[in-house]
PDB file of N, CA and C in Angstrom:
ATOM      1  N   MET A   1     163.493  78.961 146.831  1.00  0.00           N
ATOM      2  CA  MET A   1     162.541  78.456 145.633  1.00  0.00           C
ATOM      3  C   MET A   1     161.454  79.799 145.254  1.00  0.00           C
ATOM      4  N   GLU A   2     161.142  79.734 144.270  1.00  0.00           N
ATOM      5  CA  GLU A   2     160.233  80.927 143.795  1.00  0.00           C
ATOM      6  C   GLU A   2     159.004  80.812 144.055  1.00  0.00           C
ATOM      7  N   SER A   3     158.722  81.832 145.076  1.00  0.00           N
ATOM      8  CA  SER A   3     157.169  82.055 144.714  1.00  0.00           C
ATOM      9  C   SER A   3     156.202  81.673 143.900  1.00  0.00           C
ATOM     10  N   ILE A   4     155.263  81.355 144.436  1.00  0.00           N
ATOM     11  CA  ILE A   4     153.846  81.579 143.147  1.00  0.00           C
ATOM     12  C   ILE A   4     153.644  82.515 142.292  1.00  0.00           C
ATOM     13  N   GLY A   5     154.072  83.803 143.092  1.00  0.00           N
ATOM     14  CA  GLY A   5     154.016  85.087 142.066  1.00  0.00           C
ATOM     15  C   GLY A   5     154.673  84.748 140.983  1.00  0.00           C
ATOM     16  N   GLN A   6     155.534  84.650 141.299  1.00  0.00           N
ATOM     17  CA  GLN A   6     156.613  84.721 140.459  1.00  0.00           C
ATOM     18  C   GLN A   6     156.484  83.669 139.302  1.00  0.00           C
ATOM     19  N   ARG A   7     156.422  82.259 139.573  1.00  0.00           N
ATOM     20  CA  ARG A   7     156.068  81.526 138.500  1.00  0.00           C
ATOM     21  C   ARG A   7     154.742  81.740 137.977  1.00  0.00           C
ATOM     22  N   ILE A   8     153.708  82.793 138.522  1.00  0.00           N
ATOM     23  CA  ILE A   8     152.439  82.792 137.170  1.00  0.00           C
ATOM     24  C   ILE A   8     153.262  83.671 136.373  1.00  0.00           C
ATOM     25  N   LYS A   9     153.733  84.722 137.180  1.00  0.00           N
ATOM     26  CA  LYS A   9     154.650  85.950 136.345  1.00  0.00           C
ATOM     27  C   LYS A   9     155.621  85.188 134.978  1.00  0.00           C
ATOM     28  N   ARG A  10     156.520  84.019 135.587  1.00  0.00           N
ATOM     29  CA  ARG A  10     157.416  83.489 134.388  1.00  0.00           C
ATOM     30  C   ARG A  10     156.607  83.207 133.312  1.00  0.00           C
ATOM     31  N   GLU A  11     155.799  82.414 133.818  1.00  0.00           N
ATOM     32  CA  GLU A  11     154.632  81.618 132.654  1.00  0.00           C
ATOM     33  C   GLU A  11     153.792  82.153 131.736  1.00  0.00           C
ATOM     34  N   LEU A  12     153.469  83.632 132.599  1.00  0.00           N
ATOM     35  CA  LEU A  12     152.674  84.746 131.384  1.00  0.00           C
ATOM     36  C   LEU A  12     153.835  84.940 130.713  1.00  0.00           C
ATOM     37  N   GLU A  13     155.144  85.295 131.078  1.00  0.00           N
ATOM     38  CA  GLU A  13     155.658  85.389 129.870  1.00  0.00           C
ATOM     39  C   GLU A  13     156.406  84.955 128.752  1.00  0.00           C
ATOM     40  N   ARG A  14     156.398  83.465 129.742  1.00  0.00           N
ATOM     41  CA  ARG A  14     156.839  82.077 128.194  1.00  0.00           C
ATOM     42  C   ARG A  14     156.139  82.352 127.256  1.00  0.00           C
ATOM     43  N   GLN A  15     154.359  82.450 127.452  1.00  0.00           N
ATOM     44  CA  GLN A  15     153.319  82.428 126.670  1.00  0.00           C
ATOM     45  C   GLN A  15     153.373  83.521 126.109  1.00  0.00           C
ATOM     46  N   GLU A  16     154.404  84.333 126.611  1.00  0.00           N
ATOM     47  CA  GLU A  16     154.077  86.060 125.545  1.00  0.00           C
ATOM     48  C   GLU A  16     152.917  86.865 125.703  1.00  0.00           C
ATOM     49  N   ARG A  17     152.128  86.378 127.086  1.00  0.00           N
ATOM     50  CA  ARG A  17     151.015  86.778 127.197  1.00  0.00           C
ATOM     51  C   ARG A  17     151.076  88.438 127.900  1.00  0.00           C
ATOM     52  N   SER A  18     150.451  88.852 127.769  1.00  0.00           N
ATOM     53  CA  SER A  18     150.462  90.421 128.651  1.00  0.00           C
ATOM     54  C   SER A  18     149.263  90.221 129.732  1.00  0.00           C
ATOM     55  N   VAL A  19     149.806  90.998 130.698  1.00  0.00           N
ATOM     56  CA  VAL A  19     149.043  91.498 132.454  1.00  0.00           C
ATOM     57  C   VAL A  19     147.836  91.885 131.682  1.00  0.00           C
ATOM     58  N   THR A  20     147.463  92.536 130.792  1.00  0.00           N
ATOM     59  CA  THR A  20     145.806  92.963 130.376  1.00  0.00           C
ATOM     60  C   THR A  20     144.900  91.921 130.072  1.00  0.00           C
ATOM     61  N   TRP A  21     145.799  91.025 129.158  1.00  0.00           N
ATOM     62  CA  TRP A  21     145.214  89.830 128.846  1.00  0.00           C
ATOM     63  C   TRP A  21     144.619  88.816 129.654  1.00  0.00           C
ATOM     64  N   LEU A  22     145.371  88.526 130.712  1.00  0.00           N
ATOM     65  CA  LEU A  22     145.448  87.869 132.428  1.00  0.00           C
ATOM     66  C   LEU A  22     144.486  88.269 132.861  1.00  0.00           C
ATOM     67  N   ALA A  23     144.603  89.859 133.008  1.00  0.00           N
ATOM     68  CA  ALA A  23     143.257  90.390 133.775  1.00  0.00           C
ATOM     69  C   ALA A  23     141.951  90.180 133.374  1.00  0.00           C
ATOM     70  N   ARG A  24     141.949  90.369 132.121  1.00  0.00           N
ATOM     71  CA  ARG A  24     140.489  90.123 131.432  1.00  0.00           C
ATOM     72  C   ARG A  24     140.063  88.778 131.504  1.00  0.00           C
ATOM     73  N   LYS A  25     141.058  87.900 131.518  1.00  0.00           N
ATOM     74  CA  LYS A  25     140.777  86.165 131.717  1.00  0.00           C
ATOM     75  C   LYS A  25     139.985  86.347 133.032  1.00  0.00           C
ATOM     76  N   LEU A  26     140.544  86.911 133.256  1.00  0.00           N
ATOM     77  CA  LEU A  26     140.156  86.406 135.234  1.00  0.00           C
ATOM     78  C   LEU A  26     138.918  87.713 135.597  1.00  0.00           C
ATOM     79  N   SER A  27     138.429  88.455 134.878  1.00  0.00           N
ATOM     80  CA  SER A  27     137.812  89.974 134.817  1.00  0.00           C
ATOM     81  C   SER A  27     138.282  90.286 136.178  1.00  0.00           C
ATOM     82  N   CYS A  28     138.986  90.854 135.931  1.00  0.00           N
ATOM     83  CA  CYS A  28     139.744  91.772 137.124  1.00  0.00           C
ATOM     84  C   CYS A  28     140.456  92.940 136.396  1.00  0.00           C
ATOM     85  N   HIS A  29     140.916  93.908 137.167  1.00  0.00           N
ATOM     86  CA  HIS A  29     141.554  95.074 137.003  1.00  0.00           C
ATOM     87  C   HIS A  29     143.291  94.561 137.234  1.00  0.00           C
ATOM     88  N   ARG A  30     144.236  94.912 135.902  1.00  0.00           N
ATOM     89  CA  ARG A  30     145.778  94.561 135.806  1.00  0.00           C
ATOM     90  C   ARG A  30     146.670  94.933 136.835  1.00  0.00           C
ATOM     91  N   THR A  31     146.270  95.972 137.767  1.00  0.00           N
ATOM     92  CA  THR A  31     147.170  96.409 139.484  1.00  0.00           C
ATOM     93  C   THR A  31     146.574  95.059 140.172  1.00  0.00           C
ATOM     94  N   ASN A  32     145.750  94.015 140.011  1.00  0.00           N
ATOM     95  CA  ASN A  32     145.262  92.612 140.648  1.00  0.00           C
ATOM     96  C   ASN A  32     146.760  92.014 140.238  1.00  0.00           C
ATOM     97  N   ILE A  33     146.506  91.596 138.848  1.00  0.00           N
ATOM     98  CA  ILE A  33     147.553  90.736 138.480  1.00  0.00           C
ATOM     99  C   ILE A  33     149.002  91.158 138.803  1.00  0.00           C
ATOM    100  N   TYR A  34     149.637  92.534 139.008  1.00  0.00           N
ATOM    101  CA  TYR A  34     150.773  92.732 139.243  1.00  0.00           C
ATOM    102  C   TYR A  34     150.557  92.334 140.899  1.00  0.00           C
ATOM    103  N   ASN A  35     149.510  92.484 141.682  1.00  0.00           N
ATOM    104  CA  ASN A  35     149.582  92.633 143.244  1.00  0.00           C
ATOM    105  C   ASN A  35     149.425  90.916 143.534  1.00  0.00           C
ATOM    106  N   ILE A  36     149.088  90.149 142.383  1.00  0.00           N
ATOM    107  CA  ILE A  36     149.503  88.162 142.335  1.00  0.00           C
ATOM    108  C   ILE A  36     150.905  88.206 142.137  1.00  0.00           C
ATOM    109  N   PHE A  37     151.599  89.085 141.182  1.00  0.00           N
ATOM    110  CA  PHE A  37     153.071  88.433 141.321  1.00  0.00           C
ATOM    111  C   PHE A  37     153.789  88.602 142.469  1.00  0.00           C
ATOM    112  N   LEU A  38     153.155  89.545 143.349  1.00  0.00           N
ATOM    113  CA  LEU A  38     153.874  89.886 144.151  1.00  0.00           C
ATOM    114  C   LEU A  38     153.897  88.887 145.570  1.00  0.00           C
ATOM    115  N   ARG A  39     152.622  88.185 145.733  1.00  0.00           N
ATOM    116  CA  ARG A  39     152.206  86.992 146.247  1.00  0.00           C
ATOM    117  C   ARG A  39     153.369  86.272 146.257  1.00  0.00           C
ATOM    118  N   ASP A  40     153.554  85.589 148.200  1.00  0.00           N
ATOM    119  CA  ASP A  40     153.707  84.399 148.243  1.00  0.00           C
ATOM    120  C   ASP A  40     152.802  83.062 148.019  1.00  0.00           C
ATOM    121  N   ASN A  41     152.144  83.560 148.661  1.00  0.00           N
ATOM    122  CA  ASN A  41     150.691  82.342 148.885  1.00  0.00           C
ATOM    123  C   ASN A  41     149.757  82.915 147.764  1.00  0.00           C
ATOM    124  N   ILE A  42     148.800  82.025 147.335  1.00  0.00           N
ATOM    125  CA  ILE A  42     147.258  82.559 146.831  1.00  0.00           C
ATOM    126  C   ILE A  42     146.417  81.329 147.351  1.00  0.00           C
ATOM    127  N   ASP A  43     145.151  82.153 146.940  1.00  0.00           N
ATOM    128  CA  ASP A  43     144.076  81.016 147.178  1.00  0.00           C
ATOM    129  C   ASP A  43     143.661  80.309 146.427  1.00  0.00           C
ATOM    130  N   VAL A  44     143.318  78.617 146.659  1.00  0.00           N
ATOM    131  CA  VAL A  44     143.695  77.411 145.552  1.00  0.00           C
ATOM    132  C   VAL A  44     142.617  78.057 144.603  1.00  0.00           C
ATOM    133  N   LYS A  45     141.593  78.053 144.904  1.00  0.00           N
ATOM    134  CA  LYS A  45     140.560  78.364 143.457  1.00  0.00           C
ATOM    135  C   LYS A  45     141.175  79.461 142.682  1.00  0.00           C
ATOM    136  N   LEU A  46     141.696  80.416 143.124  1.00  0.00           N
ATOM    137  CA  LEU A  46     142.508  81.068 142.214  1.00  0.00           C
ATOM    138  C   LEU A  46     143.261  80.586 141.517  1.00  0.00           C
ATOM    139  N   LEU A  47     144.210  79.683 141.917  1.00  0.00           N
ATOM    140  CA  LEU A  47     145.562  78.675 141.341  1.00  0.00           C
ATOM    141  C   LEU A  47     144.756  78.406 140.109  1.00  0.00           C
ATOM    142  N   ILE A  48     143.705  77.495 140.890  1.00  0.00           N
ATOM    143  CA  ILE A  48     142.670  76.756 139.555  1.00  0.00           C
ATOM    144  C   ILE A  48     142.534  77.497 138.521  1.00  0.00           C
ATOM    145  N   ARG A  49     142.243  78.779 138.745  1.00  0.00           N
ATOM    146  CA  ARG A  49     141.617  79.593 137.871  1.00  0.00           C
ATOM    147  C   ARG A  49     142.657  79.969 136.251  1.00  0.00           C
ATOM    148  N   ILE A  50     143.924  80.562 136.975  1.00  0.00           N
ATOM    149  CA  ILE A  50     144.952  80.821 136.742  1.00  0.00           C
ATOM    150  C   ILE A  50     145.589  79.447 135.938  1.00  0.00           C
ATOM    151  N   SER A  51     145.339  78.479 136.642  1.00  0.00           N
ATOM    152  CA  SER A  51     146.149  76.991 136.196  1.00  0.00           C
ATOM    153  C   SER A  51     145.416  76.750 134.817  1.00  0.00           C
ATOM    154  N   HIS A  52     144.187  76.574 134.811  1.00  0.00           N
ATOM    155  CA  HIS A  52     143.398  76.796 133.359  1.00  0.00           C
ATOM    156  C   HIS A  52     143.408  77.668 132.609  1.00  0.00           C
ATOM    157  N   ILE A  53     143.348  78.639 132.760  1.00  0.00           N
ATOM    158  CA  ILE A  53     143.861  80.163 132.046  1.00  0.00           C
ATOM    159  C   ILE A  53     144.820  79.867 131.155  1.00  0.00           C
ATOM    160  N   LEU A  54     146.214  79.127 131.862  1.00  0.00           N
ATOM    161  CA  LEU A  54     147.252  79.773 131.209  1.00  0.00           C
ATOM    162  C   LEU A  54     147.794  77.994 130.600  1.00  0.00           C
ATOM    163  N   HIS A  55     146.780  76.780 131.360  1.00  0.00           N
ATOM    164  CA  HIS A  55     147.064  75.562 130.549  1.00  0.00           C
ATOM    165  C   HIS A  55     148.756  75.067 131.401  1.00  0.00           C
ATOM    166  N   HIS A  56     148.785  75.562 132.469  1.00  0.00           N
ATOM    167  CA  HIS A  56     149.683  75.383 133.320  1.00  0.00           C
ATOM    168  C   HIS A  56     149.384  74.571 134.418  1.00  0.00           C
ATOM    169  N   ASN A  57     149.822  73.195 135.152  1.00  0.00           N
ATOM    170  CA  ASN A  57     149.423  73.268 136.347  1.00  0.00           C
ATOM    171  C   ASN A  57     150.528  73.216 137.760  1.00  0.00           C
ATOM    172  N   PHE A  58     149.961  74.479 138.046  1.00  0.00           N
ATOM    173  CA  PHE A  58     151.193  75.199 139.264  1.00  0.00           C
ATOM    174  C   PHE A  58     150.862  74.083 140.114  1.00  0.00           C
ATOM    175  N   LEU A  59     149.491  73.493 140.724  1.00  0.00           N
ATOM    176  CA  LEU A  59     149.644  72.712 141.683  1.00  0.00           C
ATOM    177  C   LEU A  59     150.568  71.784 141.561  1.00  0.00           C
ATOM    178  N   LYS A  60     151.019  71.281 140.216  1.00  0.00           N
ATOM    179  CA  LYS A  60     151.475  69.721 140.128  1.00  0.00           C
ATOM    180  C   LYS A  60     152.911  70.539 140.548  1.00  0.00           C
ATOM    181  N   ASP A  61     153.513  71.811 140.170  1.00  0.00           N
ATOM    182  CA  ASP A  61     154.707  72.153 140.450  1.00  0.00           C
ATOM    183  C   ASP A  61     154.988  72.211 141.779  1.00  0.00           C
ATOM    184  N   ILE A  62     153.750  72.695 142.896  1.00  0.00           N
ATOM    185  CA  ILE A  62     154.194  72.933 144.131  1.00  0.00           C
ATOM    186  C   ILE A  62     154.371  71.260 145.198  1.00  0.00           C
ATOM    187  N   SER A  63     153.686  70.578 144.220  1.00  0.00           N
ATOM    188  CA  SER A  63     153.557  68.875 144.516  1.00  0.00           C
ATOM    189  C   SER A  63     155.100  68.397 144.346  1.00  0.00           C
ATOM    190  N   ASP A  64     155.520  68.296 142.949  1.00  0.00           N
ATOM    191  CA  ASP A  64     156.995  68.067 142.519  1.00  0.00           C
ATOM    192  C   ASP A  64     157.663  68.453 143.721  1.00  0.00           C
ATOM    193  N   ASP A  65     157.891  70.168 144.074  1.00  0.00           N
ATOM    194  CA  ASP A  65     158.423  70.492 145.027  1.00  0.00           C
ATOM    195  C   ASP A  65     158.890  69.992 146.366  1.00  0.00           C
ATOM    196  N   LEU A  66     157.519  69.561 146.811  1.00  0.00           N
ATOM    197  CA  LEU A  66     157.373  68.975 148.172  1.00  0.00           C
ATOM    198  C   LEU A  66     158.144  68.016 148.083  1.00  0.00           C
ATOM    199  N   ASP A  67     157.971  67.133 147.225  1.00  0.00           N
ATOM    200  CA  ASP A  67     158.484  65.783 147.029  1.00  0.00           C
ATOM    201  C   ASP A  67     159.692  65.924 146.613  1.00  0.00           C
ATOM    202  N   ALA A  68     160.550  66.742 146.204  1.00  0.00           N
ATOM    203  CA  ALA A  68     161.745  66.789 145.674  1.00  0.00           C
ATOM    204  C   ALA A  68     162.258  67.799 147.471  1.00  0.00           C
ATOM    205  N   GLY A  69     161.733  67.879 148.396  1.00  0.00           N
ATOM    206  CA  GLY A  69     161.957  68.142 149.864  1.00  0.00           C
ATOM    207  C   GLY A  69     162.605  69.938 149.772  1.00  0.00           C
ATOM    208  N   GLN A  70     161.790  70.637 148.744  1.00  0.00           N
ATOM    209  CA  GLN A  70     162.223  72.052 148.361  1.00  0.00           C
ATOM    210  C   GLN A  70     161.217  72.697 149.285  1.00  0.00           C
ATOM    211  N   ASP A  71     162.050  74.088 149.970  1.00  0.00           N
ATOM    212  CA  ASP A  71     160.983  74.997 150.634  1.00  0.00           C
ATOM    213  C   ASP A  71     160.248  75.792 149.771  1.00  0.00           C
ATOM    214  N   CYS A  72     158.951  75.816 150.620  1.00  0.00           N
ATOM    215  CA  CYS A  72     157.855  76.357 149.867  1.00  0.00           C
ATOM    216  C   CYS A  72     157.619  77.837 150.723  1.00  0.00           C
ATOM    217  N   PRO A  73     158.019  78.955 149.912  1.00  0.00           N
ATOM    218  CA  PRO A  73     157.166  80.236 150.778  1.00  0.00           C
ATOM    219  C   PRO A  73     156.105  80.293 151.175  1.00  0.00           C
ATOM    220  N   GLY A  74     155.858  81.033 152.230  1.00  0.00           N
ATOM    221  CA  GLY A  74     154.494  81.543 152.572  1.00  0.00           C
ATOM    222  C   GLY A  74     153.722  79.941 153.170  1.00  0.00           C
ATOM    223  N   VAL A  75     154.326  78.985 153.224  1.00  0.00           N
ATOM    224  CA  VAL A  75     154.063  77.441 154.364  1.00  0.00           C
ATOM    225  C   VAL A  75     154.475  77.642 155.401  1.00  0.00           C
TER     226      VAL A  75
END
């Protein structure tokens, strides 16, 4: 299964948004975004913020994977 960082990166690319754009929205440096892309796990509050910014429910994606019996990296 795809890591949460990879999922965020894929959604950002799907929306044709830049790393700089997301960094501005999160009020952080773009190197932090690249670090997020490398993560297998993430703080729930940060994931909720990213979900709101990208208008994509990453928590539902994870829940759907669990319901389907897929392994979750970092769990």
